[in-house]
PDB file of N, CA and C in Angstrom:
ATOM      1  N   MET A   1      34.135 -39.490 -10.254  1.00  0.00           N
ATOM      2  CA  MET A   1      33.251 -39.937  -9.575  1.00  0.00           C
ATOM      3  C   MET A   1      33.070 -41.541  -8.688  1.00  0.00           C
ATOM      4  N   ARG A   2      32.379 -41.217  -7.594  1.00  0.00           N
ATOM      5  CA  ARG A   2      33.124 -42.545  -6.900  1.00  0.00           C
ATOM      6  C   ARG A   2      32.165 -43.604  -6.338  1.00  0.00           C
ATOM      7  N   GLU A   3      32.754 -44.306  -6.079  1.00  0.00           N
ATOM      8  CA  GLU A   3      31.826 -45.385  -6.194  1.00  0.00           C
ATOM      9  C   GLU A   3      30.514 -45.720  -4.906  1.00  0.00           C
ATOM     10  N   SER A   4      31.074 -44.750  -4.330  1.00  0.00           N
ATOM     11  CA  SER A   4      29.577 -44.815  -3.292  1.00  0.00           C
ATOM     12  C   SER A   4      29.042 -44.185  -3.401  1.00  0.00           C
ATOM     13  N   HIS A   5      28.779 -42.355  -4.570  1.00  0.00           N
ATOM     14  CA  HIS A   5      28.364 -42.419  -4.997  1.00  0.00           C
ATOM     15  C   HIS A   5      27.208 -43.496  -6.436  1.00  0.00           C
ATOM     16  N   ILE A   6      27.937 -44.022  -6.715  1.00  0.00           N
ATOM     17  CA  ILE A   6      26.928 -45.214  -7.332  1.00  0.00           C
ATOM     18  C   ILE A   6      26.465 -46.231  -6.895  1.00  0.00           C
ATOM     19  N   GLU A   7      27.434 -47.116  -5.255  1.00  0.00           N
ATOM     20  CA  GLU A   7      26.013 -47.645  -4.893  1.00  0.00           C
ATOM     21  C   GLU A   7      24.636 -46.870  -4.320  1.00  0.00           C
ATOM     22  N   LYS A   8      25.260 -45.911  -4.086  1.00  0.00           N
ATOM     23  CA  LYS A   8      23.647 -45.093  -3.370  1.00  0.00           C
ATOM     24  C   LYS A   8      23.294 -44.788  -3.852  1.00  0.00           C
ATOM     25  N   GLU A   9      23.049 -44.290  -5.528  1.00  0.00           N
ATOM     26  CA  GLU A   9      22.286 -44.351  -6.854  1.00  0.00           C
ATOM     27  C   GLU A   9      21.230 -45.269  -6.831  1.00  0.00           C
ATOM     28  N   LEU A  10      21.595 -47.087  -6.857  1.00  0.00           N
ATOM     29  CA  LEU A  10      21.738 -48.695  -7.268  1.00  0.00           C
ATOM     30  C   LEU A  10      21.032 -48.185  -5.663  1.00  0.00           C
ATOM     31  N   CYS A  11      20.991 -48.325  -5.455  1.00  0.00           N
ATOM     32  CA  CYS A  11      19.857 -48.688  -4.278  1.00  0.00           C
ATOM     33  C   CYS A  11      19.175 -47.142  -3.598  1.00  0.00           C
ATOM     34  N   LYS A  12      18.910 -46.554  -3.924  1.00  0.00           N
ATOM     35  CA  LYS A  12      17.735 -44.970  -4.529  1.00  0.00           C
ATOM     36  C   LYS A  12      17.156 -45.840  -5.514  1.00  0.00           C
ATOM     37  N   ARG A  13      17.212 -45.903  -6.940  1.00  0.00           N
ATOM     38  CA  ARG A  13      17.004 -46.152  -8.229  1.00  0.00           C
ATOM     39  C   ARG A  13      15.981 -47.419  -7.750  1.00  0.00           C
ATOM     40  N   ALA A  14      16.310 -48.785  -7.158  1.00  0.00           N
ATOM     41  CA  ALA A  14      16.061 -49.829  -6.107  1.00  0.00           C
ATOM     42  C   ALA A  14      14.822 -49.634  -6.056  1.00  0.00           C
ATOM     43  N   LYS A  15      14.558 -49.327  -5.384  1.00  0.00           N
ATOM     44  CA  LYS A  15      13.876 -48.397  -3.932  1.00  0.00           C
ATOM     45  C   LYS A  15      13.052 -48.280  -4.338  1.00  0.00           C
ATOM     46  N   LYS A  16      12.861 -47.381  -5.467  1.00  0.00           N
ATOM     47  CA  LYS A  16      11.884 -47.124  -5.397  1.00  0.00           C
ATOM     48  C   LYS A  16      10.972 -47.552  -6.526  1.00  0.00           C
ATOM     49  N   MET A  17      11.658 -48.661  -6.758  1.00  0.00           N
ATOM     50  CA  MET A  17      10.901 -49.980  -7.669  1.00  0.00           C
ATOM     51  C   MET A  17      10.863 -50.859  -6.881  1.00  0.00           C
ATOM     52  N   GLY A  18      10.685 -50.684  -6.387  1.00  0.00           N
ATOM     53  CA  GLY A  18      10.185 -51.817  -5.438  1.00  0.00           C
ATOM     54  C   GLY A  18      10.787 -52.971  -4.888  1.00  0.00           C
ATOM     55  N   ALA A  19      11.604 -52.536  -5.358  1.00  0.00           N
ATOM     56  CA  ALA A  19      13.150 -53.550  -5.070  1.00  0.00           C
ATOM     57  C   ALA A  19      13.980 -53.652  -3.177  1.00  0.00           C
ATOM     58  N   ILE A  20      14.708 -54.601  -2.826  1.00  0.00           N
ATOM     59  CA  ILE A  20      15.591 -54.541  -1.233  1.00  0.00           C
ATOM     60  C   ILE A  20      16.548 -54.726  -2.509  1.00  0.00           C
ATOM     61  N   PRO A  21      16.908 -54.075  -2.094  1.00  0.00           N
ATOM     62  CA  PRO A  21      19.432 -53.928  -2.595  1.00  0.00           C
ATOM     63  C   PRO A  21      19.659 -53.617  -1.320  1.00  0.00           C
ATOM     64  N   TYR A  22      20.310 -54.678  -0.393  1.00  0.00           N
ATOM     65  CA  TYR A  22      20.681 -56.365   0.379  1.00  0.00           C
ATOM     66  C   TYR A  22      22.370 -55.153  -0.210  1.00  0.00           C
ATOM     67  N   LYS A  23      23.339 -55.164   1.208  1.00  0.00           N
ATOM     68  CA  LYS A  23      24.626 -55.088   1.022  1.00  0.00           C
ATOM     69  C   LYS A  23      25.000 -55.738   1.441  1.00  0.00           C
ATOM     70  N   PHE A  24      25.367 -56.969   0.545  1.00  0.00           N
ATOM     71  CA  PHE A  24      25.422 -58.299   0.601  1.00  0.00           C
ATOM     72  C   PHE A  24      27.722 -58.613   1.961  1.00  0.00           C
ATOM     73  N   THR A  25      27.395 -59.197   2.163  1.00  0.00           N
ATOM     74  CA  THR A  25      29.151 -59.174   2.546  1.00  0.00           C
ATOM     75  C   THR A  25      28.709 -60.727   3.501  1.00  0.00           C
ATOM     76  N   SER A  26      30.092 -61.231   3.148  1.00  0.00           N
ATOM     77  CA  SER A  26      29.454 -63.226   3.910  1.00  0.00           C
ATOM     78  C   SER A  26      30.984 -62.929   5.160  1.00  0.00           C
ATOM     79  N   PRO A  27      31.327 -63.385   5.731  1.00  0.00           N
ATOM     80  CA  PRO A  27      32.191 -63.199   7.015  1.00  0.00           C
ATOM     81  C   PRO A  27      32.560 -64.766   6.758  1.00  0.00           C
ATOM     82  N   GLY A  28      34.368 -64.431   6.731  1.00  0.00           N
ATOM     83  CA  GLY A  28      34.729 -65.321   5.783  1.00  0.00           C
ATOM     84  C   GLY A  28      35.699 -65.336   5.038  1.00  0.00           C
ATOM     85  N   ARG A  29      34.422 -64.719   3.898  1.00  0.00           N
ATOM     86  CA  ARG A  29      34.677 -64.240   2.605  1.00  0.00           C
ATOM     87  C   ARG A  29      34.777 -63.461   2.006  1.00  0.00           C
ATOM     88  N   VAL A  30      35.734 -63.457   2.051  1.00  0.00           N
ATOM     89  CA  VAL A  30      36.267 -62.210   0.268  1.00  0.00           C
ATOM     90  C   VAL A  30      35.759 -61.844  -0.391  1.00  0.00           C
ATOM     91  N   SER A  31      35.794 -61.131  -1.503  1.00  0.00           N
ATOM     92  CA  SER A  31      35.639 -60.496  -2.823  1.00  0.00           C
ATOM     93  C   SER A  31      34.262 -61.047  -3.122  1.00  0.00           C
ATOM     94  N   VAL A  32      32.764 -60.802  -2.272  1.00  0.00           N
ATOM     95  CA  VAL A  32      31.303 -61.827  -2.715  1.00  0.00           C
ATOM     96  C   VAL A  32      30.941 -60.579  -3.476  1.00  0.00           C
ATOM     97  N   PRO A  33      30.575 -59.760  -4.298  1.00  0.00           N
ATOM     98  CA  PRO A  33      29.897 -58.807  -5.177  1.00  0.00           C
ATOM     99  C   PRO A  33      29.406 -57.526  -3.450  1.00  0.00           C
ATOM    100  N   ASP A  34      29.047 -56.969  -4.028  1.00  0.00           N
ATOM    101  CA  ASP A  34      28.318 -55.439  -2.644  1.00  0.00           C
ATOM    102  C   ASP A  34      26.508 -54.794  -2.750  1.00  0.00           C
ATOM    103  N   ARG A  35      26.204 -56.402  -3.806  1.00  0.00           N
ATOM    104  CA  ARG A  35      24.627 -55.417  -3.405  1.00  0.00           C
ATOM    105  C   ARG A  35      23.980 -56.787  -4.128  1.00  0.00           C
ATOM    106  N   LEU A  36      22.911 -57.823  -2.648  1.00  0.00           N
ATOM    107  CA  LEU A  36      22.864 -58.205  -2.850  1.00  0.00           C
ATOM    108  C   LEU A  36      21.183 -57.823  -3.758  1.00  0.00           C
ATOM    109  N   ILE A  37      20.454 -57.720  -4.436  1.00  0.00           N
ATOM    110  CA  ILE A  37      19.240 -57.216  -5.523  1.00  0.00           C
ATOM    111  C   ILE A  37      17.823 -58.258  -5.617  1.00  0.00           C
ATOM    112  N   ILE A  38      16.649 -57.921  -5.340  1.00  0.00           N
ATOM    113  CA  ILE A  38      15.797 -58.912  -4.753  1.00  0.00           C
ATOM    114  C   ILE A  38      14.249 -58.261  -5.024  1.00  0.00           C
ATOM    115  N   ALA A  39      14.715 -57.912  -6.020  1.00  0.00           N
ATOM    116  CA  ALA A  39      12.900 -57.630  -7.362  1.00  0.00           C
ATOM    117  C   ALA A  39      11.883 -58.397  -6.792  1.00  0.00           C
ATOM    118  N   PRO A  40      10.686 -57.888  -7.248  1.00  0.00           N
ATOM    119  CA  PRO A  40       8.891 -57.499  -6.547  1.00  0.00           C
ATOM    120  C   PRO A  40       9.291 -59.184  -7.211  1.00  0.00           C
ATOM    121  N   SER A  41       9.308 -58.838  -8.548  1.00  0.00           N
ATOM    122  CA  SER A  41       9.233 -59.782  -9.976  1.00  0.00           C
ATOM    123  C   SER A  41       9.860 -61.340  -9.710  1.00  0.00           C
ATOM    124  N   GLY A  42      10.169 -61.059  -8.547  1.00  0.00           N
ATOM    125  CA  GLY A  42      10.182 -62.502  -7.649  1.00  0.00           C
ATOM    126  C   GLY A  42      12.976 -63.586  -8.476  1.00  0.00           C
ATOM    127  N   ARG A  43      12.399 -62.209  -9.734  1.00  0.00           N
ATOM    128  CA  ARG A  43      14.194 -62.299  -9.512  1.00  0.00           C
ATOM    129  C   ARG A  43      14.711 -61.626  -8.610  1.00  0.00           C
ATOM    130  N   MET A  44      16.349 -62.241  -8.509  1.00  0.00           N
ATOM    131  CA  MET A  44      17.341 -61.457  -8.010  1.00  0.00           C
ATOM    132  C   MET A  44      18.943 -61.887  -7.907  1.00  0.00           C
ATOM    133  N   ALA A  45      19.551 -60.808  -7.763  1.00  0.00           N
ATOM    134  CA  ALA A  45      21.341 -60.863  -8.711  1.00  0.00           C
ATOM    135  C   ALA A  45      22.459 -59.618  -7.889  1.00  0.00           C
ATOM    136  N   PHE A  46      23.599 -60.144  -7.784  1.00  0.00           N
ATOM    137  CA  PHE A  46      24.123 -59.834  -7.324  1.00  0.00           C
ATOM    138  C   PHE A  46      24.652 -58.508  -7.940  1.00  0.00           C
ATOM    139  N   VAL A  47      24.921 -57.270  -7.431  1.00  0.00           N
ATOM    140  CA  VAL A  47      25.670 -56.488  -8.629  1.00  0.00           C
ATOM    141  C   VAL A  47      27.657 -55.921  -7.662  1.00  0.00           C
ATOM    142  N   GLU A  48      28.563 -55.716  -8.185  1.00  0.00           N
ATOM    143  CA  GLU A  48      29.640 -55.717  -8.541  1.00  0.00           C
ATOM    144  C   GLU A  48      29.818 -53.914  -8.308  1.00  0.00           C
ATOM    145  N   VAL A  49      29.842 -52.601  -7.308  1.00  0.00           N
ATOM    146  CA  VAL A  49      29.833 -51.913  -8.090  1.00  0.00           C
ATOM    147  C   VAL A  49      31.114 -50.731  -7.841  1.00  0.00           C
ATOM    148  N   LYS A  50      31.543 -50.776  -8.684  1.00  0.00           N
ATOM    149  CA  LYS A  50      33.202 -50.698  -8.868  1.00  0.00           C
ATOM    150  C   LYS A  50      32.774 -48.654  -9.469  1.00  0.00           C
ATOM    151  N   ALA A  51      34.111 -48.044  -8.893  1.00  0.00           N
ATOM    152  CA  ALA A  51      34.535 -46.590  -9.401  1.00  0.00           C
ATOM    153  C   ALA A  51      34.451 -46.832 -11.267  1.00  0.00           C
ATOM    154  N   PRO A  52      33.881 -45.902 -11.900  1.00  0.00           N
ATOM    155  CA  PRO A  52      34.067 -45.932 -13.739  1.00  0.00           C
ATOM    156  C   PRO A  52      35.750 -45.435 -13.999  1.00  0.00           C
ATOM    157  N   GLY A  53      35.443 -46.330 -15.315  1.00  0.00           N
ATOM    158  CA  GLY A  53      36.363 -47.760 -15.403  1.00  0.00           C
ATOM    159  C   GLY A  53      37.074 -48.755 -14.653  1.00  0.00           C
ATOM    160  N   LYS A  54      36.947 -49.080 -13.648  1.00  0.00           N
ATOM    161  CA  LYS A  54      37.380 -49.353 -12.748  1.00  0.00           C
ATOM    162  C   LYS A  54      37.247 -51.109 -12.725  1.00  0.00           C
ATOM    163  N   LYS A  55      37.919 -52.215 -13.342  1.00  0.00           N
ATOM    164  CA  LYS A  55      37.576 -53.465 -12.953  1.00  0.00           C
ATOM    165  C   LYS A  55      38.060 -53.855 -11.601  1.00  0.00           C
ATOM    166  N   PRO A  56      36.671 -55.545 -11.747  1.00  0.00           N
ATOM    167  CA  PRO A  56      36.810 -56.324 -10.841  1.00  0.00           C
ATOM    168  C   PRO A  56      38.339 -57.348 -10.922  1.00  0.00           C
ATOM    169  N   THR A  57      39.038 -57.013  -9.061  1.00  0.00           N
ATOM    170  CA  THR A  57      39.716 -58.024  -9.116  1.00  0.00           C
ATOM    171  C   THR A  57      39.976 -58.997  -9.333  1.00  0.00           C
ATOM    172  N   PRO A  58      40.931 -59.336 -10.097  1.00  0.00           N
ATOM    173  CA  PRO A  58      41.363 -61.436  -9.735  1.00  0.00           C
ATOM    174  C   PRO A  58      40.443 -62.343  -9.057  1.00  0.00           C
ATOM    175  N   MET A  59      40.555 -62.541  -8.220  1.00  0.00           N
ATOM    176  CA  MET A  59      38.730 -62.790  -6.524  1.00  0.00           C
ATOM    177  C   MET A  59      38.504 -62.264  -6.876  1.00  0.00           C
ATOM    178  N   GLN A  60      37.616 -61.495  -6.659  1.00  0.00           N
ATOM    179  CA  GLN A  60      36.249 -60.696  -7.545  1.00  0.00           C
ATOM    180  C   GLN A  60      36.337 -62.324  -8.831  1.00  0.00           C
ATOM    181  N   GLU A  61      36.890 -61.708  -9.550  1.00  0.00           N
ATOM    182  CA  GLU A  61      35.895 -62.470 -11.058  1.00  0.00           C
ATOM    183  C   GLU A  61      36.364 -64.204 -10.578  1.00  0.00           C
ATOM    184  N   ARG A  62      36.418 -64.200  -9.809  1.00  0.00           N
ATOM    185  CA  ARG A  62      36.717 -66.055  -9.570  1.00  0.00           C
ATOM    186  C   ARG A  62      35.535 -65.888  -8.878  1.00  0.00           C
ATOM    187  N   GLU A  63      35.270 -65.348  -7.596  1.00  0.00           N
ATOM    188  CA  GLU A  63      33.712 -65.810  -7.024  1.00  0.00           C
ATOM    189  C   GLU A  63      32.314 -64.923  -8.196  1.00  0.00           C
ATOM    190  N   HIS A  64      32.689 -64.629  -8.948  1.00  0.00           N
ATOM    191  CA  HIS A  64      31.457 -64.236  -9.704  1.00  0.00           C
ATOM    192  C   HIS A  64      30.934 -65.308 -10.878  1.00  0.00           C
ATOM    193  N   LEU A  65      32.936 -66.498 -11.282  1.00  0.00           N
ATOM    194  CA  LEU A  65      32.178 -67.185 -11.837  1.00  0.00           C
ATOM    195  C   LEU A  65      31.433 -68.234 -11.367  1.00  0.00           C
ATOM    196  N   LYS A  66      31.885 -68.550  -9.839  1.00  0.00           N
ATOM    197  CA  LYS A  66      31.254 -69.429  -9.077  1.00  0.00           C
ATOM    198  C   LYS A  66      29.467 -68.301  -8.462  1.00  0.00           C
ATOM    199  N   ILE A  67      29.295 -67.463  -8.592  1.00  0.00           N
ATOM    200  CA  ILE A  67      27.770 -67.463  -8.777  1.00  0.00           C
ATOM    201  C   ILE A  67      27.267 -68.138  -9.352  1.00  0.00           C
ATOM    202  N   ARG A  68      27.819 -67.733 -11.253  1.00  0.00           N
ATOM    203  CA  ARG A  68      27.395 -67.649 -12.659  1.00  0.00           C
ATOM    204  C   ARG A  68      27.030 -68.625 -12.571  1.00  0.00           C
ATOM    205  N   ALA A  69      27.612 -69.515 -12.123  1.00  0.00           N
ATOM    206  CA  ALA A  69      27.814 -71.379 -12.848  1.00  0.00           C
ATOM    207  C   ALA A  69      26.321 -71.869 -11.916  1.00  0.00           C
ATOM    208  N   LEU A  70      25.993 -71.566 -10.523  1.00  0.00           N
ATOM    209  CA  LEU A  70      24.985 -71.630  -9.374  1.00  0.00           C
ATOM    210  C   LEU A  70      23.916 -71.301 -11.025  1.00  0.00           C
ATOM    211  N   GLY A  71      24.093 -70.178 -11.419  1.00  0.00           N
ATOM    212  CA  GLY A  71      22.829 -69.907 -12.372  1.00  0.00           C
ATOM    213  C   GLY A  71      22.496 -67.961 -12.183  1.00  0.00           C
ATOM    214  N   HIS A  72      22.978 -67.911 -11.443  1.00  0.00           N
ATOM    215  CA  HIS A  72      22.686 -66.543 -10.962  1.00  0.00           C
ATOM    216  C   HIS A  72      22.881 -64.965 -11.530  1.00  0.00           C
ATOM    217  N   LYS A  73      22.621 -64.414 -11.490  1.00  0.00           N
ATOM    218  CA  LYS A  73      23.821 -62.855 -12.826  1.00  0.00           C
ATOM    219  C   LYS A  73      24.536 -62.348 -11.678  1.00  0.00           C
ATOM    220  N   VAL A  74      24.925 -61.398 -12.206  1.00  0.00           N
ATOM    221  CA  VAL A  74      26.302 -61.298 -11.633  1.00  0.00           C
ATOM    222  C   VAL A  74      25.989 -59.811 -12.141  1.00  0.00           C
ATOM    223  N   TYR A  75      25.583 -58.608 -12.302  1.00  0.00           N
ATOM    224  CA  TYR A  75      26.103 -57.434 -12.353  1.00  0.00           C
ATOM    225  C   TYR A  75      27.353 -56.511 -12.710  1.00  0.00           C
ATOM    226  N   ILE A  76      27.645 -56.185 -13.238  1.00  0.00           N
ATOM    227  CA  ILE A  76      29.514 -54.725 -13.302  1.00  0.00           C
ATOM    228  C   ILE A  76      29.273 -53.616 -13.078  1.00  0.00           C
ATOM    229  N   LEU A  77      28.792 -53.053 -11.406  1.00  0.00           N
ATOM    230  CA  LEU A  77      27.786 -51.227 -12.922  1.00  0.00           C
ATOM    231  C   LEU A  77      29.243 -50.374 -12.215  1.00  0.00           C
ATOM    232  N   ASP A  78      29.809 -49.903 -12.794  1.00  0.00           N
ATOM    233  CA  ASP A  78      30.639 -48.451 -12.856  1.00  0.00           C
ATOM    234  C   ASP A  78      30.261 -47.444 -13.256  1.00  0.00           C
ATOM    235  N   ASN A  79      28.796 -47.087 -14.085  1.00  0.00           N
ATOM    236  CA  ASN A  79      28.271 -46.005 -13.587  1.00  0.00           C
ATOM    237  C   ASN A  79      26.510 -45.879 -13.773  1.00  0.00           C
ATOM    238  N   LEU A  80      26.194 -44.591 -13.738  1.00  0.00           N
ATOM    239  CA  LEU A  80      25.335 -44.556 -13.394  1.00  0.00           C
ATOM    240  C   LEU A  80      23.907 -44.548 -14.332  1.00  0.00           C
ATOM    241  N   ASN A  81      24.612 -44.048 -15.515  1.00  0.00           N
ATOM    242  CA  ASN A  81      24.262 -45.628 -17.000  1.00  0.00           C
ATOM    243  C   ASN A  81      23.335 -46.831 -16.791  1.00  0.00           C
ATOM    244  N   GLN A  82      24.786 -47.169 -16.336  1.00  0.00           N
ATOM    245  CA  GLN A  82      23.889 -48.638 -16.107  1.00  0.00           C
ATOM    246  C   GLN A  82      23.310 -49.537 -15.229  1.00  0.00           C
ATOM    247  N   ILE A  83      22.276 -48.592 -14.632  1.00  0.00           N
ATOM    248  CA  ILE A  83      21.629 -49.213 -13.598  1.00  0.00           C
ATOM    249  C   ILE A  83      20.198 -49.209 -13.847  1.00  0.00           C
ATOM    250  N   ASP A  84      19.473 -48.184 -14.965  1.00  0.00           N
ATOM    251  CA  ASP A  84      17.837 -48.579 -15.174  1.00  0.00           C
ATOM    252  C   ASP A  84      17.934 -49.896 -16.136  1.00  0.00           C
ATOM    253  N   ASP A  85      19.139 -50.257 -16.989  1.00  0.00           N
ATOM    254  CA  ASP A  85      19.422 -51.537 -18.108  1.00  0.00           C
ATOM    255  C   ASP A  85      18.832 -52.011 -16.707  1.00  0.00           C
ATOM    256  N   ILE A  86      19.850 -53.158 -15.834  1.00  0.00           N
ATOM    257  CA  ILE A  86      19.678 -53.574 -15.218  1.00  0.00           C
ATOM    258  C   ILE A  86      18.722 -54.112 -14.004  1.00  0.00           C
ATOM    259  N   LEU A  87      18.432 -53.054 -13.539  1.00  0.00           N
ATOM    260  CA  LEU A  87      16.748 -53.091 -12.544  1.00  0.00           C
ATOM    261  C   LEU A  87      15.830 -53.223 -13.584  1.00  0.00           C
ATOM    262  N   ASN A  88      16.117 -52.553 -14.785  1.00  0.00           N
ATOM    263  CA  ASN A  88      15.005 -53.114 -15.742  1.00  0.00           C
ATOM    264  C   ASN A  88      14.589 -54.387 -15.822  1.00  0.00           C
ATOM    265  N   GLU A  89      15.715 -55.481 -16.052  1.00  0.00           N
ATOM    266  CA  GLU A  89      15.906 -56.709 -16.629  1.00  0.00           C
ATOM    267  C   GLU A  89      15.280 -57.139 -15.406  1.00  0.00           C
ATOM    268  N   LEU A  90      15.479 -57.048 -13.670  1.00  0.00           N
ATOM    269  CA  LEU A  90      15.113 -57.112 -13.278  1.00  0.00           C
ATOM    270  C   LEU A  90      13.554 -57.162 -13.017  1.00  0.00           C
ATOM    271  N   CYS A  91      13.209 -55.881 -13.142  1.00  0.00           N
ATOM    272  CA  CYS A  91      11.623 -55.674 -12.148  1.00  0.00           C
ATOM    273  C   CYS A  91      11.513 -55.549 -14.499  1.00  0.00           C
ATOM    274  N   PRO A  92      11.087 -56.046 -14.992  1.00  0.00           N
ATOM    275  CA  PRO A  92      10.532 -55.705 -16.311  1.00  0.00           C
ATOM    276  C   PRO A  92       9.212 -54.958 -15.655  1.00  0.00           C
ATOM    277  N   SER A  93       8.204 -54.553 -17.019  1.00  0.00           N
ATOM    278  CA  SER A  93       7.056 -53.320 -16.317  1.00  0.00           C
ATOM    279  C   SER A  93       5.852 -54.492 -17.311  1.00  0.00           C
TER     280      SER A  93
END
């Protein structure tokens, strides 16, 4: 399964729950997470999407640590089964 398929499914399910799955890019800055999910619950989190079994690069891990140090969540998503857990945490019923 390709990373793009997982990312597309994340966006579809996030929108269905009323969240906004922004594609996150930062000009002049590499290794930022792929998506910024803004939930109707007032919560937000970053999601790094990877192909199944793939891990973040060392540069990505450093960027994730910086974001987490500021009190924000960063999820690593590498399979479809994780999507609902992430979204349920951001959009509790």
